[in-house]
Structures are given as structure tokens and as C-alpha cells.
Amino acid sequence: MSYSKGFITDLYKNLLYIRLSEEKLVAIYKEGRVPGHIHSGVGQEATHVGTLSTRKEGDYFKLAHRVVSISHVLGVSFNNIYSEILGRQDGNSRGGGGVNHIADFSKGVLGMSGTLGCDMAFAVGAAYKLKMEGKGNIVYCYYGDGTSNRGPVHEAMNWAAAWKLPVLFILDNNQWAISTCIHESSAVENPGADRAAAYGMTSKVVEGWDVLAVYEATKELSEFVRAGNGPALLEAKNYRWRGHFEGDQCKYRDSEITEKWQKKRNCVKKMENYMLENGFITEDEIKALYGEIDAELDAAVEFAEASPKATAEDLFKNIFA
């Protein structure tokens, strides 16, 4: 497939924005500036950037707890993202949601449950609304390999398949559910794609660190779903570079495997090499982009830290009773 310079440049910039933001979150967490915790998504950016490059106005997005910075690609500002993560009132939930709850309904970002998998039916419900509207929109529903073993996931998939609802399920398979390897918790090689057959769902498996491969597979599946054929599933093979949370020492896994993924399956470096080889960018332009984005992220952190802290009274806002 051939691509324009503009498309490739936008794809690369989004990859770099998310990589540097995820690294920035790790850095400020280490400095003690983040209340709560961080689930780093460093290394898994291509699955999200590649899939979201097929989105259209009016689509909905049920994101996951890792690669939290991806909401920026959907239009949520870094000021808002970092304010929420730092527990400040300029966050989307006035600092009450934190790192796992970046949402903006005006951008189609539906939010997520802290109990993983229980929000899958929410995404399917949104897809039912879209089907009734009949405008060709879909829901991008992200989840992980650990979550794939939970009951609510299969209830949601059964509902979506039985009613032919416009959902694209995206399994970001990073091979680890906290400290449990997917090969110890699943009897099939592909916990998403192999199980999709049980619901009559079309599925694809793709290398999750290759953003162009992800984009091409998603383009085919998303067009299939938009055409009214019911749900589909994309399983992206990844590896969790860091611990389940920052501070996790990862003593339960082989550090040599982790190092191999970091050095040889780096989605940002792969894209940079592609752009350099095709004359889409220069080394100097890459260096300049790193500097510009880093400065933008520093400004967002500064904005967040200047924002008023969440208060006890904020707990009683936006509740039913």
C-alpha cells in the first residue's frame, strides 16, 4: 500500500507524541509528583495510533488503562490529561478520576471502569445507539489479554454479534496480566482472534509494534463493520515493556526477552527508519520534533501543577444522589 507524505508524517507525530507523553508520566511519577499510580504504555503506542488512524467523526472510543496518553490523539488536550492525572480541578473529572479515567464525551471518549472488562457492555450499548442512527459510525473498544478472560467481555461480544452491532474489538495483547503470562491463562494461542470465531466474528492478528500493519488491518476491519456486517476483532501482538505499574520489579519474567522487544521491536524507531529511507523526514527534523513535543509536555505539566487541587467537596459533584 502506498502512502502520502502527509499521512505518514501525521502517523509518526502521533506515535512520538504518545511515546514521549508516556515517558514523561514515568519521569514525573519517579519524582513523586503524581498522586496514585501509573500504568505505563511505553512500547505499545502503535496499536492505538494505527487503529485510531481509521476513525471518523461521530465514532466512539472505549479506551483501556494502559497507553492513557492516547486520548490526546482523539482531541483531549495534554493540559486536561495531566491535570486529571495530577488530581487537579482542570482535569476532565476535576481530578477525581485520575490516570485510569481520562474521558471526554464531546470527543467520543466514553471513559472506562476501574474493574477491567465490566465496561465492555457500555461500549456495545453505545454501538446500539450508533446502529439506530444509521450513519456508519462504529465503536473502537480496547481491552487487554488479561481482561480477555473475564466473563463480561464474552457477554458483550455475544450481544454485539447477536445483534450485529458496529463494534471493532481491539485486543492489545501485551502477554502479561499483572504477573500472569497469557500462555498460562489461555488455552489458545490468540485469546482474541481464536475466540472471536465462537461469536461468528471476523478477526485478524497483527504485529502490534508495526503501525502501518496495524493501520492496514484496521482499515479492512473497520470498513467491514461500517458496512453493517456486525462486529469484528483485531488482535495486536505486543509486549509490556515496563511493569504492571511503576515500581513493579518484574522478577516474574525474563529480562532478556524484555530487552529484545525494546531494542528490536520499537514502533517509533521502526517508523523513523521508514521515513528516513523514503525521504519523508531528516535526522535534524526528527531531533527538532523531539524538542518541540518535550517542551509542550513540560508546559502541560506546569499548567497542571498550577491548577487548583481537587477538594473533598469535589467528591459530591456529578453524582446522582
Protein backbone atom coordinates (compact mmCIF):
# COMPACT_ATOMS: atom_id res chain seq x y z
CA MET A 1 0.00 0.00 0.00
CA SER A 2 1.36 3.45 -0.90
CA TYR A 3 1.04 6.41 1.47
CA SER A 4 1.28 10.15 1.13
CA LYS A 5 3.95 12.09 2.98
CA GLY A 6 1.25 13.93 4.90
CA PHE A 7 -0.38 10.74 6.17
CA ILE A 8 2.93 9.18 7.21
CA THR A 9 4.06 12.38 8.92
CA ASP A 10 0.83 12.63 10.92
CA LEU A 11 1.11 8.97 11.89
CA TYR A 12 4.68 9.45 13.07
CA LYS A 13 3.89 12.61 15.01
CA ASN A 14 1.09 10.87 16.86
CA LEU A 15 3.39 7.96 17.69
CA LEU A 16 6.02 10.34 19.01
CA TYR A 17 3.53 12.42 20.99
CA ILE A 18 2.25 9.33 22.77
CA ARG A 19 5.70 7.79 23.34
CA LEU A 20 7.11 10.97 24.85
CA SER A 21 4.00 11.56 26.94
CA GLU A 22 4.10 8.06 28.38
CA GLU A 23 7.78 8.54 29.18
CA LYS A 24 7.02 11.92 30.75
CA LEU A 25 4.43 10.32 33.01
CA VAL A 26 7.01 7.78 34.17
CA ALA A 27 9.54 10.56 34.83
CA ILE A 28 7.25 12.78 36.92
CA TYR A 29 5.98 9.74 38.81
CA LYS A 30 9.55 8.88 39.81
CA GLU A 31 9.92 12.44 41.07
CA GLY A 32 6.94 11.97 43.39
CA ARG A 33 4.75 14.45 41.53
CA VAL A 34 1.91 12.06 40.70
CA PRO A 35 -0.62 11.00 43.36
CA GLY A 36 -1.76 7.42 42.93
CA HIS A 37 -0.13 5.24 40.31
CA ILE A 38 0.87 4.95 36.64
CA HIS A 39 0.35 2.03 34.24
CA SER A 40 2.93 2.82 31.58
CA GLY A 41 2.12 2.07 27.95
CA VAL A 42 5.61 2.75 26.62
CA GLY A 43 6.22 0.42 23.67
CA GLN A 44 2.54 -0.22 22.88
CA GLU A 45 1.75 3.03 21.08
CA ALA A 46 1.48 1.63 17.53
CA THR A 47 -1.60 -0.49 18.26
CA HIS A 48 -3.54 2.57 19.37
CA VAL A 49 -2.20 5.09 16.88
CA GLY A 50 -2.60 2.69 13.96
CA THR A 51 -6.19 1.75 14.79
CA LEU A 52 -7.29 5.31 15.52
CA SER A 53 -5.95 6.49 12.18
CA THR A 54 -9.07 4.89 10.67
CA ARG A 55 -11.54 6.79 12.88
CA LYS A 56 -14.27 9.08 11.56
CA GLU A 57 -16.25 11.95 13.03
CA GLY A 58 -19.02 10.58 15.23
CA ASP A 59 -17.25 7.37 16.28
CA TYR A 60 -16.98 6.36 19.94
CA PHE A 61 -13.94 5.06 21.83
CA LYS A 62 -13.81 2.83 24.90
CA LEU A 63 -10.16 3.06 25.91
CA ALA A 64 -8.16 0.92 28.34
CA HIS A 65 -6.00 1.58 31.40
CA ARG A 66 -2.70 1.45 29.51
CA VAL A 67 -1.41 3.99 26.98
CA VAL A 68 -3.52 6.62 28.72
CA SER A 69 -1.96 9.42 26.65
CA ILE A 70 -3.74 8.12 23.53
CA SER A 71 -6.75 10.29 24.35
CA HIS A 72 -4.66 13.21 23.08
CA VAL A 73 -4.90 11.78 19.54
CA LEU A 74 -8.67 11.99 19.94
CA GLY A 75 -8.51 15.67 20.78
CA VAL A 76 -8.16 15.74 24.57
CA SER A 77 -5.56 18.36 25.49
CA PHE A 78 -2.43 17.47 27.44
CA ASN A 79 -3.40 20.23 29.90
CA ASN A 80 -6.58 18.31 30.64
CA ILE A 81 -4.87 14.90 30.70
CA TYR A 82 -2.09 15.90 33.07
CA SER A 83 -4.41 17.91 35.30
CA GLU A 84 -6.58 14.85 35.81
CA ILE A 85 -3.61 12.58 36.46
CA LEU A 86 -2.18 15.05 38.98
CA GLY A 87 -5.52 15.35 40.80
CA ARG A 88 -6.25 18.92 39.74
CA GLN A 89 -9.52 20.70 39.06
CA ASP A 90 -8.71 21.41 35.41
CA GLY A 91 -8.85 17.67 34.72
CA ASN A 92 -11.82 16.11 32.95
CA SER A 93 -13.20 14.85 36.28
CA ARG A 94 -11.81 17.74 38.34
CA GLY A 95 -9.02 15.44 39.45
CA GLY A 96 -11.35 12.83 40.93
CA GLY A 97 -10.81 10.14 38.31
CA GLY A 98 -7.05 10.04 37.94
CA VAL A 99 -4.88 8.19 35.45
CA ASN A 100 -7.40 5.46 34.60
CA HIS A 101 -10.29 7.78 33.89
CA ILE A 102 -9.44 10.23 31.13
CA ALA A 103 -12.65 10.83 29.20
CA ASP A 104 -14.34 13.50 27.10
CA PHE A 105 -17.74 12.65 25.69
CA SER A 106 -17.58 15.62 23.31
CA LYS A 107 -14.65 13.83 21.63
CA GLY A 108 -16.37 10.44 21.68
CA VAL A 109 -14.14 9.19 24.53
CA LEU A 110 -16.52 7.15 26.68
CA GLY A 111 -14.28 6.52 29.67
CA MET A 112 -13.67 3.21 31.40
CA SER A 113 -14.33 1.22 34.55
CA GLY A 114 -11.59 0.57 37.07
CA THR A 115 -12.82 -3.03 37.12
CA LEU A 116 -11.45 -4.19 33.80
CA GLY A 117 -13.90 -5.79 31.41
CA CYS A 118 -17.03 -4.53 33.13
CA ASP A 119 -17.20 -1.56 30.77
CA MET A 120 -17.33 -3.67 27.59
CA ALA A 121 -21.13 -3.72 27.64
CA PHE A 122 -21.07 0.08 27.84
CA ALA A 123 -19.25 0.15 24.51
CA VAL A 124 -21.74 -2.29 23.00
CA GLY A 125 -24.61 -0.16 24.26
CA ALA A 126 -23.08 2.85 22.53
CA ALA A 127 -22.84 0.75 19.36
CA TYR A 128 -26.56 0.01 19.59
CA LYS A 129 -27.19 3.77 19.57
CA LEU A 130 -24.96 4.16 16.52
CA LYS A 131 -26.75 1.36 14.69
CA MET A 132 -30.12 3.04 15.29
CA GLU A 133 -28.72 6.32 13.94
CA GLY A 134 -27.52 4.56 10.79
CA LYS A 135 -24.68 6.96 9.94
CA GLY A 136 -21.96 4.35 9.51
CA ASN A 137 -20.19 5.11 12.78
CA ILE A 138 -18.56 2.48 14.97
CA VAL A 139 -17.20 1.96 18.48
CA TYR A 140 -13.49 1.20 18.95
CA CYS A 141 -13.40 -0.99 22.07
CA TYR A 142 -9.93 -1.64 23.55
CA TYR A 143 -9.05 -4.29 26.10
CA GLY A 144 -6.09 -6.39 27.21
CA ASP A 145 -5.14 -10.07 27.25
CA GLY A 146 -5.82 -10.40 30.97
CA THR A 147 -9.21 -8.79 30.57
CA SER A 148 -9.97 -11.20 27.70
CA ASN A 149 -10.51 -13.97 30.25
CA ARG A 150 -13.27 -12.15 32.13
CA GLY A 151 -16.94 -13.06 31.81
CA PRO A 152 -18.29 -9.57 30.99
CA VAL A 153 -16.09 -9.50 27.89
CA HIS A 154 -17.79 -12.54 26.41
CA GLU A 155 -21.26 -11.32 27.36
CA ALA A 156 -20.54 -8.08 25.50
CA MET A 157 -19.17 -9.89 22.45
CA ASN A 158 -22.15 -12.23 22.34
CA TRP A 159 -24.54 -9.27 22.48
CA ALA A 160 -22.66 -7.38 19.76
CA ALA A 161 -22.55 -10.43 17.49
CA ALA A 162 -26.16 -11.50 18.02
CA TRP A 163 -27.48 -8.01 17.20
CA LYS A 164 -24.84 -7.26 14.53
CA LEU A 165 -23.72 -4.08 16.28
CA PRO A 166 -20.95 -1.82 14.91
CA VAL A 167 -18.12 -2.60 17.33
CA LEU A 168 -14.46 -3.12 16.50
CA PHE A 169 -12.97 -5.00 19.44
CA ILE A 170 -9.23 -4.38 19.73
CA LEU A 171 -7.21 -6.73 21.91
CA ASP A 172 -3.87 -5.19 22.84
CA ASN A 173 -2.14 -8.45 23.75
CA ASN A 174 0.99 -7.46 25.69
CA GLN A 175 1.30 -11.02 27.06
CA TRP A 176 1.09 -10.12 30.76
CA ALA A 177 -1.86 -9.72 33.13
CA ILE A 178 -0.07 -8.20 36.11
CA SER A 179 2.34 -11.13 36.72
CA THR A 180 0.47 -13.87 34.85
CA CYS A 181 1.68 -14.75 31.36
CA ILE A 182 -1.08 -15.20 28.78
CA HIS A 183 0.25 -18.67 27.93
CA GLU A 184 -0.55 -19.75 31.50
CA SER A 185 -4.08 -18.35 31.49
CA SER A 186 -5.35 -19.10 27.99
CA ALA A 187 -5.63 -22.45 26.21
CA VAL A 188 -5.46 -20.84 22.76
CA GLU A 189 -2.60 -19.02 21.07
CA ASN A 190 -4.69 -15.97 20.18
CA PRO A 191 -7.05 -15.18 23.09
CA GLY A 192 -8.90 -12.64 20.98
CA ALA A 193 -8.91 -13.91 17.41
CA ASP A 194 -9.30 -17.61 18.24
CA ARG A 195 -12.29 -16.91 20.48
CA ALA A 196 -13.91 -14.49 18.03
CA ALA A 197 -14.90 -17.49 15.90
CA ALA A 198 -17.26 -18.62 18.65
CA TYR A 199 -19.33 -15.50 18.03
CA GLY A 200 -19.12 -15.65 14.25
CA MET A 201 -16.84 -12.62 14.25
CA THR A 202 -14.35 -11.77 11.53
CA SER A 203 -10.89 -11.30 13.06
CA LYS A 204 -7.27 -10.55 12.24
CA VAL A 205 -3.96 -10.95 14.08
CA VAL A 206 -1.26 -8.35 13.51
CA GLU A 207 2.17 -7.36 14.83
CA GLY A 208 1.20 -4.61 17.26
CA TRP A 209 4.55 -2.80 17.04
CA ASP A 210 4.22 -2.18 13.29
CA VAL A 211 1.97 0.88 13.00
CA LEU A 212 1.41 0.52 9.24
CA ALA A 213 0.47 -3.16 9.56
CA VAL A 214 -1.95 -2.21 12.32
CA TYR A 215 -3.43 0.55 10.19
CA GLU A 216 -3.94 -1.68 7.15
CA ALA A 217 -5.60 -4.47 9.14
CA THR A 218 -7.81 -1.98 10.98
CA LYS A 219 -8.81 -0.24 7.76
CA GLU A 220 -10.13 -3.51 6.36
CA LEU A 221 -11.95 -4.49 9.55
CA SER A 222 -13.38 -1.03 10.24
CA GLU A 223 -14.80 -0.80 6.72
CA PHE A 224 -16.35 -4.25 7.19
CA VAL A 225 -18.03 -3.10 10.43
CA ARG A 226 -19.17 0.23 8.96
CA ALA A 227 -20.86 -1.63 6.11
CA GLY A 228 -23.31 -3.17 8.58
CA ASN A 229 -21.78 -6.64 8.84
CA GLY A 230 -21.68 -6.69 12.63
CA PRO A 231 -18.66 -6.63 14.94
CA ALA A 232 -15.07 -7.64 14.17
CA LEU A 233 -11.95 -8.18 16.24
CA LEU A 234 -8.32 -7.16 15.83
CA GLU A 235 -5.67 -8.82 17.98
CA ALA A 236 -2.40 -6.91 18.14
CA LYS A 237 0.64 -8.83 19.42
CA ASN A 238 2.70 -6.68 21.76
CA TYR A 239 4.87 -6.91 24.84
CA ARG A 240 4.60 -4.90 28.04
CA TRP A 241 7.95 -3.13 28.29
CA ARG A 242 7.57 -1.99 31.88
CA GLY A 243 5.93 -3.45 34.98
CA HIS A 244 2.21 -3.69 35.51
CA PHE A 245 2.60 -0.45 37.47
CA GLU A 246 5.57 1.81 38.11
CA GLY A 247 7.52 0.20 40.94
CA ASP A 248 6.83 -3.35 39.77
CA GLN A 249 10.27 -5.04 39.64
CA CYS A 250 9.13 -7.70 37.10
CA LYS A 251 11.00 -10.53 38.84
CA TYR A 252 8.45 -12.95 37.39
CA ARG A 253 9.72 -12.62 33.80
CA ASP A 254 12.87 -12.90 31.69
CA SER A 255 14.61 -9.53 31.38
CA GLU A 256 16.40 -10.65 28.19
CA ILE A 257 13.06 -11.02 26.38
CA THR A 258 12.04 -7.56 27.51
CA GLU A 259 15.33 -6.11 26.27
CA LYS A 260 14.91 -7.83 22.90
CA TRP A 261 11.49 -6.23 22.41
CA GLN A 262 12.80 -2.82 23.44
CA LYS A 263 15.72 -2.95 21.02
CA LYS A 264 14.30 -4.80 18.03
CA ARG A 265 10.55 -4.09 18.14
CA ASN A 266 10.42 -0.39 18.84
CA CYS A 267 7.48 1.07 16.91
CA VAL A 268 8.81 4.64 17.00
CA LYS A 269 12.27 3.71 15.71
CA LYS A 270 10.74 1.47 13.05
CA MET A 271 8.67 4.38 11.78
CA GLU A 272 11.62 6.76 11.88
CA ASN A 273 13.67 4.35 9.77
CA TYR A 274 10.81 4.04 7.28
CA MET A 275 10.51 7.82 6.96
CA LEU A 276 14.24 8.35 6.58
CA GLU A 277 14.51 5.62 3.93
CA ASN A 278 11.66 7.17 1.93
CA GLY A 279 12.85 10.75 2.25
CA PHE A 280 9.84 11.86 4.30
CA ILE A 281 11.95 13.38 7.06
CA THR A 282 15.55 14.22 8.02
CA GLU A 283 17.55 13.48 11.16
CA ASP A 284 17.51 17.19 12.01
CA GLU A 285 13.71 17.33 11.67
CA ILE A 286 13.34 14.31 13.94
CA LYS A 287 15.55 15.93 16.56
CA ALA A 288 13.56 19.16 16.33
CA LEU A 289 10.26 17.30 16.80
CA TYR A 290 11.54 15.62 19.95
CA GLY A 291 12.44 19.02 21.38
CA GLU A 292 9.14 20.66 20.42
CA ILE A 293 6.99 17.88 21.87
CA ASP A 294 9.05 17.65 25.05
CA ALA A 295 8.61 21.39 25.60
CA GLU A 296 4.85 21.07 25.02
CA LEU A 297 4.64 18.28 27.58
CA ASP A 298 6.66 20.27 30.12
CA ALA A 299 4.22 23.14 29.65
CA ALA A 300 1.27 20.78 30.24
CA VAL A 301 2.81 19.50 33.47
CA GLU A 302 3.44 23.10 34.56
CA PHE A 303 -0.18 24.00 33.75
CA ALA A 304 -1.45 21.01 35.72
CA GLU A 305 0.67 21.77 38.76
CA ALA A 306 -0.63 25.36 38.76
CA SER A 307 -4.23 24.16 38.63
CA PRO A 308 -6.11 24.05 41.99
CA LYS A 309 -6.05 20.70 43.73
CA ALA A 310 -9.18 18.59 43.94
CA THR A 311 -11.06 19.13 47.21
CA ALA A 312 -13.25 16.96 49.43
CA GLU A 313 -16.26 18.89 48.16
CA ASP A 314 -15.48 17.75 44.61
CA LEU A 315 -16.39 14.21 45.65
CA PHE A 316 -20.05 15.24 45.80
CA LYS A 317 -20.22 16.78 42.33
CA ASN A 318 -21.57 14.94 39.27
CA ILE A 319 -23.28 12.21 41.29
CA PHE A 320 -26.93 11.14 41.11
CA ALA A 321 -27.75 11.45 44.80
